[in-house]
Amino acid sequence: MRLEIVTPDRLEFSGDVESIIAPSVSGYIGILPGHIPLIARLTVGVLTVRTGTSRLTLAVSEGYMEVSPSKVIILAEAAEMPGEIDVERALAAKRRAEEILATSKEHVVLARARASLQKAINRLKVAKYQDGSGEGSPSVPEKIGRE
């Protein structure tokens, strides 16, 4: 099936894939070729795409996914491949959000800080950053299975 991932800035990905696992507001949803038509609202999370023996992961933010039996279109506020994620910037955003959550009492400020924290943690997860020792991962699909 064909997958297109579109953000306000650009076409992030376009290609043939075997499966998609996307973060919907109801939980993660798996899509295979021939899936029934569906429109789903997406939330912050990890988008996993399989193409043959390769797997590609992207950090996605809110958006929508339109599924037809042979094509999937994802419209997202943001979609970043691991190599595109600035780990230092994500860590700084995480720290700022945590500071605001610890000190603020205003509901609107707290809601924005929670959203920022969720996005930063998701970006770090996709970049495979762990305990200050991570270097991130390449933006090319990683091989899975036997070669």
Protein backbone atom coordinates (compact mmCIF):
# COMPACT_ATOMS: atom_id res chain seq x y z
CA MET A 1 0.00 0.00 0.00
CA ARG A 2 1.08 3.58 -0.53
CA LEU A 3 1.84 5.83 2.45
CA GLU A 4 2.15 9.61 2.42
CA ILE A 5 3.08 11.55 5.56
CA VAL A 6 2.42 15.25 5.16
CA THR A 7 3.22 18.10 7.59
CA PRO A 8 2.57 21.82 7.15
CA ASP A 9 6.20 22.19 6.04
CA ARG A 10 6.66 19.33 3.59
CA LEU A 11 5.98 15.83 2.37
CA GLU A 12 7.91 13.87 5.04
CA PHE A 13 7.56 10.42 3.47
CA SER A 14 6.04 8.87 0.38
CA GLY A 15 6.46 5.23 -0.54
CA ASP A 16 5.12 1.71 -0.62
CA VAL A 17 4.87 -0.01 2.78
CA GLU A 18 3.72 -3.33 4.19
CA SER A 19 2.30 -2.15 7.52
CA ILE A 20 1.77 0.92 9.68
CA ILE A 21 1.31 1.26 13.43
CA ALA A 22 0.00 4.72 14.30
CA PRO A 23 -0.81 6.47 17.60
CA SER A 24 -4.54 7.25 17.53
CA VAL A 25 -6.44 8.94 20.35
CA SER A 26 -8.01 5.53 21.11
CA GLY A 27 -4.63 3.75 21.25
CA TYR A 28 -2.20 2.40 18.70
CA ILE A 29 -3.78 1.12 15.49
CA GLY A 30 -2.29 -1.29 12.95
CA ILE A 31 -2.93 -0.90 9.24
CA LEU A 32 -2.26 -3.58 6.60
CA PRO A 33 -2.99 -3.52 2.85
CA GLY A 34 -6.69 -3.97 2.13
CA HIS A 35 -7.78 -2.29 5.39
CA ILE A 36 -11.33 -0.97 5.43
CA PRO A 37 -11.73 2.77 4.90
CA LEU A 38 -11.09 4.69 8.10
CA ILE A 39 -10.39 8.18 9.36
CA ALA A 40 -8.58 8.38 12.69
CA ARG A 41 -7.42 11.26 14.84
CA LEU A 42 -3.75 10.93 15.77
CA THR A 43 -2.04 11.93 18.98
CA VAL A 44 1.58 12.39 20.02
CA GLY A 45 3.40 9.08 19.65
CA VAL A 46 5.68 6.84 17.66
CA LEU A 47 4.67 5.98 14.10
CA THR A 48 6.17 2.68 12.93
CA VAL A 49 6.30 1.79 9.24
CA ARG A 50 7.49 -1.56 7.85
CA THR A 51 8.78 -1.87 4.31
CA GLY A 52 9.96 -5.42 3.56
CA THR A 53 12.77 -6.13 6.01
CA SER A 54 13.14 -2.50 7.09
CA ARG A 55 11.42 -0.55 9.85
CA LEU A 56 11.17 3.22 9.98
CA THR A 57 10.07 5.11 13.08
CA LEU A 58 8.94 8.72 13.27
CA ALA A 59 7.93 10.99 16.12
CA VAL A 60 4.49 12.38 15.22
CA SER A 61 2.29 15.00 16.80
CA GLU A 62 -1.42 15.54 16.51
CA GLY A 63 -3.08 15.01 13.17
CA TYR A 64 -5.32 12.76 11.12
CA MET A 65 -4.93 9.53 9.19
CA GLU A 66 -7.10 8.59 6.21
CA VAL A 67 -7.01 4.91 5.29
CA SER A 68 -8.27 3.30 2.09
CA PRO A 69 -7.56 -0.29 0.97
CA SER A 70 -4.49 0.73 -1.06
CA LYS A 71 -3.40 4.12 0.34
CA VAL A 72 -2.85 5.83 3.69
CA ILE A 73 -2.45 9.58 4.09
CA ILE A 74 -1.22 10.99 7.39
CA LEU A 75 -1.62 14.72 7.97
CA ALA A 76 0.36 15.63 11.10
CA GLU A 77 1.41 18.83 12.84
CA ALA A 78 4.92 17.36 12.99
CA ALA A 79 6.64 14.16 11.88
CA GLU A 80 10.35 13.69 12.51
CA MET A 81 12.69 10.87 11.62
CA PRO A 82 15.28 9.94 14.26
CA GLY A 83 18.18 11.65 12.49
CA GLU A 84 16.23 14.92 12.27
CA ILE A 85 15.65 15.19 16.03
CA ASP A 86 17.84 17.65 17.90
CA VAL A 87 18.35 15.77 21.17
CA GLU A 88 19.72 18.80 23.05
CA ARG A 89 16.71 20.88 22.04
CA ALA A 90 14.32 18.09 23.08
CA LEU A 91 16.09 17.75 26.44
CA ALA A 92 15.86 21.51 27.00
CA ALA A 93 12.14 21.47 26.16
CA LYS A 94 11.64 18.57 28.56
CA ARG A 95 13.43 20.41 31.38
CA ARG A 96 11.44 23.62 30.76
CA ALA A 97 8.14 21.73 30.79
CA GLU A 98 9.06 19.90 33.99
CA GLU A 99 9.99 23.20 35.69
CA ILE A 100 6.68 24.77 34.69
CA LEU A 101 4.74 21.72 35.91
CA ALA A 102 6.53 21.94 39.26
CA THR A 103 5.90 25.65 39.81
CA SER A 104 2.75 26.78 37.99
CA LYS A 105 -0.84 26.61 39.24
CA GLU A 106 -2.59 28.01 36.15
CA HIS A 107 -4.63 25.41 34.24
CA VAL A 108 -3.82 26.73 30.76
CA VAL A 109 -0.09 26.92 31.52
CA LEU A 110 -0.13 23.42 33.01
CA ALA A 111 -1.96 21.98 29.98
CA ARG A 112 0.57 23.52 27.59
CA ALA A 113 3.48 22.27 29.71
CA ARG A 114 2.05 18.73 29.78
CA ALA A 115 1.71 18.77 25.98
CA SER A 116 5.28 20.08 25.58
CA LEU A 117 6.60 17.43 27.95
CA GLN A 118 4.78 14.67 26.08
CA LYS A 119 6.19 15.83 22.73
CA ALA A 120 9.74 16.14 24.10
CA ILE A 121 9.65 12.66 25.64
CA ASN A 122 8.29 11.23 22.39
CA ARG A 123 11.04 12.90 20.35
CA LEU A 124 13.69 11.53 22.73
CA LYS A 125 12.17 8.06 22.52
CA VAL A 126 12.30 8.08 18.73
CA ALA A 127 15.87 9.42 18.77
CA LYS A 128 16.67 6.44 21.03
CA TYR A 129 18.23 8.72 23.57
CA GLN A 130 18.81 7.06 26.96
CA ASP A 131 20.41 8.26 30.20
CA GLY A 132 22.54 10.95 28.57
CA SER A 133 24.57 8.43 26.59
CA GLY A 134 22.47 8.21 23.42
CA GLU A 135 23.68 9.54 20.11
CA GLY A 136 20.36 9.23 18.30
CA SER A 137 19.83 6.95 15.37
CA PRO A 138 20.08 7.41 11.62
CA SER A 139 17.10 8.54 9.61
CA VAL A 140 17.40 5.52 7.34
CA PRO A 141 15.21 2.48 7.90
CA GLU A 142 16.72 -0.08 10.25
CA LYS A 143 16.94 -3.68 9.09
CA ILE A 144 14.83 -6.27 10.85
CA GLY A 145 14.88 -10.04 10.63
CA ARG A 146 17.54 -12.13 8.97
CA GLU A 147 19.65 -10.89 6.13
